[in-house]
Structures are given as C-alpha cells and as structure tokens.
Amino acid sequence: MRNAWHSQPRPRRSAQTSEVFSRIVKHFRIPLIAVVGGADCSPQEAAWAEEVGRLLARHGYGVVCGGRGGVMAAVCKGANQMGGVTVGLLPGEDASEANPWVQIVIPTGIGEARNALVARAGEGVIAIGGGYGTLSEIALALKWGKRVAGLGTWEIEGAYRAASPEDAVEYILER
C-alpha cells in the first residue's frame, strides 16, 4: 500500500527551495540583508564586503548571498567575525561549493535563477562590485521596491550610491 503523499506530484525544485528557505528564516526570526557581488573581486571590494558583514551582524542582521567566493565569501567572513548568521543560496546542487563562512547552505539546483531568490530574500540589497549577475539582482530588488545600496557597482536610477560600507549599511537599515 502506498502512502498518500506518493500519489501527489512532486513539487518543483524551486518550490521546495523557497519552502525550505522560508522555514529556516521563520525559525530563526533573523532579518536578512542580501549582499551581492562577483565571485571574483578586488582586494578593495573584499575589504568593503567584510566590513559590511561585520556591520550587519553588529546591528543584528543576517546575511543572505549566493554562497560562493569573492564578495560572497568576504561578507560571510565579516559577519562570522561578529557572530552573525550567514545564508548561502548556491546555484548548484553540491553543498560543498559553499564558502567556509556560510552557516546555512541551501543548494538550489536552479543555476543563475537563484539570483532572484537572493534578491527577494533580503529586506534590502547591498551590491559590491560585480558583473551581469549582480546587475540582475539589483534590477529585481528595485523592481520589487527594495532599498538598494551600491559600492563600486552599477550606477542605476533608484539605487543609492554609497560612499563607504558604513554609508551602505546605514542607508539599507533606515526605515
């Protein structure tokens, strides 16, 4: 005899990912700020990202990002230094792709489409450097009416051009 749940169609991976992510956030009840940027970054961008991570953690915010290298690793490292929570939404299905400072690893298996999840998951978005993937996250966040601050990234109408990590965090946390 089959269980009733076997007769139900299996939810699509993106629905599963969103459901799991929602449960994690509700469980911890920690507000998240999305920090986006390139998987490769300059030393200046890495320093900015680390400081953004430290500042967000100091203010009681968690970080959600793409979970891999570059800006994503640096922001997670900074948040960890201050005891903050870090969530990484990976594009692939292999959790081992996460940087060592991601505490909650969510392998989405949806490739670059995970950029939408990252942009949606944060109460606001801080963009540091980056390329077209970062541009997509900025655009989606603005479309959804979220605050966006940028450091050394795309200059787009509606996004605040921050002068420093402190300025970016202050802008995002303003209510």
Protein backbone atom coordinates (compact mmCIF):
# COMPACT_ATOMS: atom_id res chain seq x y z
CA MET A 1 0.00 0.00 0.00
CA ARG A 2 1.37 3.39 -0.98
CA ASN A 3 1.32 6.35 1.33
CA ALA A 4 -0.96 9.20 0.29
CA TRP A 5 1.99 11.51 -0.32
CA HIS A 6 3.29 9.18 -3.03
CA SER A 7 0.23 9.86 -5.15
CA GLN A 8 0.83 13.60 -5.09
CA PRO A 9 3.02 15.12 -7.80
CA ARG A 10 6.48 16.02 -6.58
CA PRO A 11 6.87 19.79 -6.11
CA ARG A 12 9.26 21.52 -8.45
CA ARG A 13 12.73 22.15 -7.03
CA SER A 14 12.23 25.93 -6.86
CA ALA A 15 9.07 25.49 -4.76
CA GLN A 16 10.95 23.15 -2.44
CA THR A 17 13.83 25.59 -2.14
CA SER A 18 11.53 28.51 -1.34
CA GLU A 19 9.64 26.46 1.25
CA VAL A 20 12.82 25.29 2.99
CA PHE A 21 14.25 28.81 2.98
CA SER A 22 11.03 30.26 4.43
CA ARG A 23 11.04 27.70 7.23
CA ILE A 24 14.66 28.49 8.12
CA VAL A 25 14.08 32.24 8.25
CA LYS A 26 10.87 31.90 10.30
CA HIS A 27 12.61 29.54 12.71
CA PHE A 28 15.48 31.89 13.40
CA ARG A 29 13.47 35.12 13.00
CA ILE A 30 16.56 36.97 11.99
CA PRO A 31 16.12 39.77 9.48
CA LEU A 32 18.30 39.26 6.43
CA ILE A 33 20.04 41.69 4.13
CA ALA A 34 21.14 40.41 0.73
CA VAL A 35 24.72 41.20 -0.20
CA VAL A 36 25.52 40.64 -3.86
CA GLY A 37 28.67 40.90 -5.91
CA GLY A 38 31.12 38.99 -8.04
CA ALA A 39 32.53 35.56 -7.37
CA ASP A 40 35.87 37.24 -8.15
CA CYS A 41 36.58 40.59 -6.58
CA SER A 42 39.33 43.11 -5.99
CA PRO A 43 41.03 43.46 -2.59
CA GLN A 44 39.08 46.73 -2.09
CA GLU A 45 35.75 45.02 -2.79
CA ALA A 46 36.66 42.19 -0.41
CA ALA A 47 37.52 44.69 2.33
CA TRP A 48 34.22 46.52 1.79
CA ALA A 49 32.28 43.24 1.87
CA GLU A 50 33.94 42.08 5.09
CA GLU A 51 33.13 45.39 6.76
CA VAL A 52 29.51 45.23 5.51
CA GLY A 53 29.23 41.74 7.03
CA ARG A 54 30.61 42.92 10.37
CA LEU A 55 28.32 45.96 10.45
CA LEU A 56 25.19 43.98 9.58
CA ALA A 57 25.96 41.39 12.27
CA ARG A 58 26.63 44.17 14.80
CA HIS A 59 23.14 45.53 14.05
CA GLY A 60 21.53 42.10 14.48
CA TYR A 61 21.01 41.32 10.80
CA GLY A 62 21.90 38.15 8.99
CA VAL A 63 23.43 37.99 5.53
CA VAL A 64 21.98 36.14 2.57
CA CYS A 65 24.11 35.78 -0.53
CA GLY A 66 24.99 33.43 -3.38
CA GLY A 67 27.24 31.49 -1.01
CA ARG A 68 30.35 31.09 -3.13
CA GLY A 69 33.61 33.07 -3.44
CA GLY A 70 34.64 36.69 -3.87
CA VAL A 71 32.29 39.25 -2.36
CA MET A 72 30.05 36.45 -1.07
CA ALA A 73 32.88 34.82 0.89
CA ALA A 74 34.14 38.14 2.22
CA VAL A 75 30.74 39.28 3.53
CA CYS A 76 30.19 35.90 5.20
CA LYS A 77 33.64 36.06 6.77
CA GLY A 78 32.93 39.53 8.18
CA ALA A 79 29.54 38.51 9.55
CA ASN A 80 31.08 35.41 11.16
CA GLN A 81 33.71 37.54 12.88
CA MET A 82 30.89 39.32 14.73
CA GLY A 83 28.81 36.20 15.42
CA GLY A 84 26.31 36.93 12.64
CA VAL A 85 24.19 34.46 10.69
CA THR A 86 25.04 33.69 7.07
CA VAL A 87 22.85 32.01 4.47
CA GLY A 88 24.18 30.89 1.09
CA LEU A 89 21.82 30.13 -1.80
CA LEU A 90 24.01 28.09 -4.13
CA PRO A 91 23.30 27.83 -7.85
CA GLY A 92 24.10 24.11 -8.00
CA GLU A 93 23.18 21.03 -6.04
CA ASP A 94 26.55 20.49 -4.36
CA ALA A 95 26.71 21.93 -0.85
CA SER A 96 30.49 21.63 -0.87
CA GLU A 97 30.61 24.61 -3.28
CA ALA A 98 29.76 26.95 -0.38
CA ASN A 99 32.46 29.16 1.05
CA PRO A 100 33.66 28.12 4.53
CA TRP A 101 31.85 31.01 6.27
CA VAL A 102 28.33 30.08 5.12
CA GLN A 103 26.45 28.63 8.08
CA ILE A 104 23.21 27.73 6.34
CA VAL A 105 23.88 26.21 2.93
CA ILE A 106 20.97 25.84 0.52
CA PRO A 107 21.94 24.16 -2.76
CA THR A 108 19.11 25.30 -5.05
CA GLY A 109 19.99 23.44 -8.25
CA ILE A 110 18.45 26.27 -10.28
CA GLY A 111 21.61 27.94 -11.58
CA GLU A 112 21.63 31.70 -12.04
CA ALA A 113 17.88 31.79 -11.38
CA ARG A 114 18.90 31.70 -7.72
CA ASN A 115 19.78 35.39 -8.14
CA ALA A 116 16.06 36.10 -7.87
CA LEU A 117 15.88 34.19 -4.59
CA VAL A 118 18.84 36.12 -3.18
CA ALA A 119 17.31 39.48 -4.18
CA ARG A 120 13.89 38.50 -2.81
CA ALA A 121 15.19 37.06 0.48
CA GLY A 122 16.76 40.24 1.81
CA GLU A 123 14.90 43.16 3.32
CA GLY A 124 17.31 45.25 1.28
CA VAL A 125 20.26 44.67 -1.04
CA ILE A 126 23.85 45.87 -0.84
CA ALA A 127 25.74 45.41 -4.11
CA ILE A 128 29.54 45.45 -4.15
CA GLY A 129 31.32 45.36 -7.50
CA GLY A 130 30.08 42.52 -9.69
CA GLY A 131 29.02 41.88 -13.24
CA TYR A 132 25.81 40.98 -15.02
CA GLY A 133 24.65 38.59 -12.29
CA THR A 134 24.90 41.41 -9.77
CA LEU A 135 23.07 43.68 -12.20
CA SER A 136 20.19 41.19 -12.36
CA GLU A 137 19.94 41.11 -8.56
CA ILE A 138 19.96 44.92 -8.36
CA ALA A 139 17.27 45.19 -11.05
CA LEU A 140 15.00 42.62 -9.42
CA ALA A 141 15.35 44.20 -5.98
CA LEU A 142 14.45 47.62 -7.40
CA LYS A 143 11.51 46.13 -9.30
CA TRP A 144 10.22 44.67 -6.03
CA GLY A 145 10.54 48.02 -4.25
CA LYS A 146 13.50 47.09 -2.06
CA ARG A 147 16.20 49.51 -0.96
CA VAL A 148 19.44 49.00 -2.85
CA ALA A 149 22.82 50.48 -1.96
CA GLY A 150 25.87 50.06 -4.17
CA LEU A 151 29.59 50.25 -3.53
CA GLY A 152 31.71 50.36 -6.66
CA THR A 153 28.99 48.72 -8.71
CA TRP A 154 26.47 49.54 -11.42
CA GLU A 155 25.04 53.05 -11.27
CA ILE A 156 21.32 52.66 -11.77
CA GLU A 157 18.45 55.04 -11.14
CA GLY A 158 16.81 54.08 -7.87
CA ALA A 159 19.93 52.55 -6.32
CA TYR A 160 21.78 54.58 -3.70
CA ARG A 161 25.46 55.16 -4.44
CA ALA A 162 27.15 54.59 -1.09
CA ALA A 163 30.45 56.22 -0.17
CA SER A 164 31.54 53.51 2.30
CA PRO A 165 30.40 50.27 3.89
CA GLU A 166 29.02 52.28 6.83
CA ASP A 167 27.06 54.51 4.46
CA ALA A 168 25.63 51.49 2.60
CA VAL A 169 24.51 49.73 5.78
CA GLU A 170 23.07 52.92 7.27
CA TYR A 171 21.05 53.54 4.10
CA ILE A 172 19.71 49.97 3.95
CA LEU A 173 18.74 49.90 7.63
CA GLU A 174 16.88 53.26 7.52
CA ARG A 175 13.16 52.74 7.85
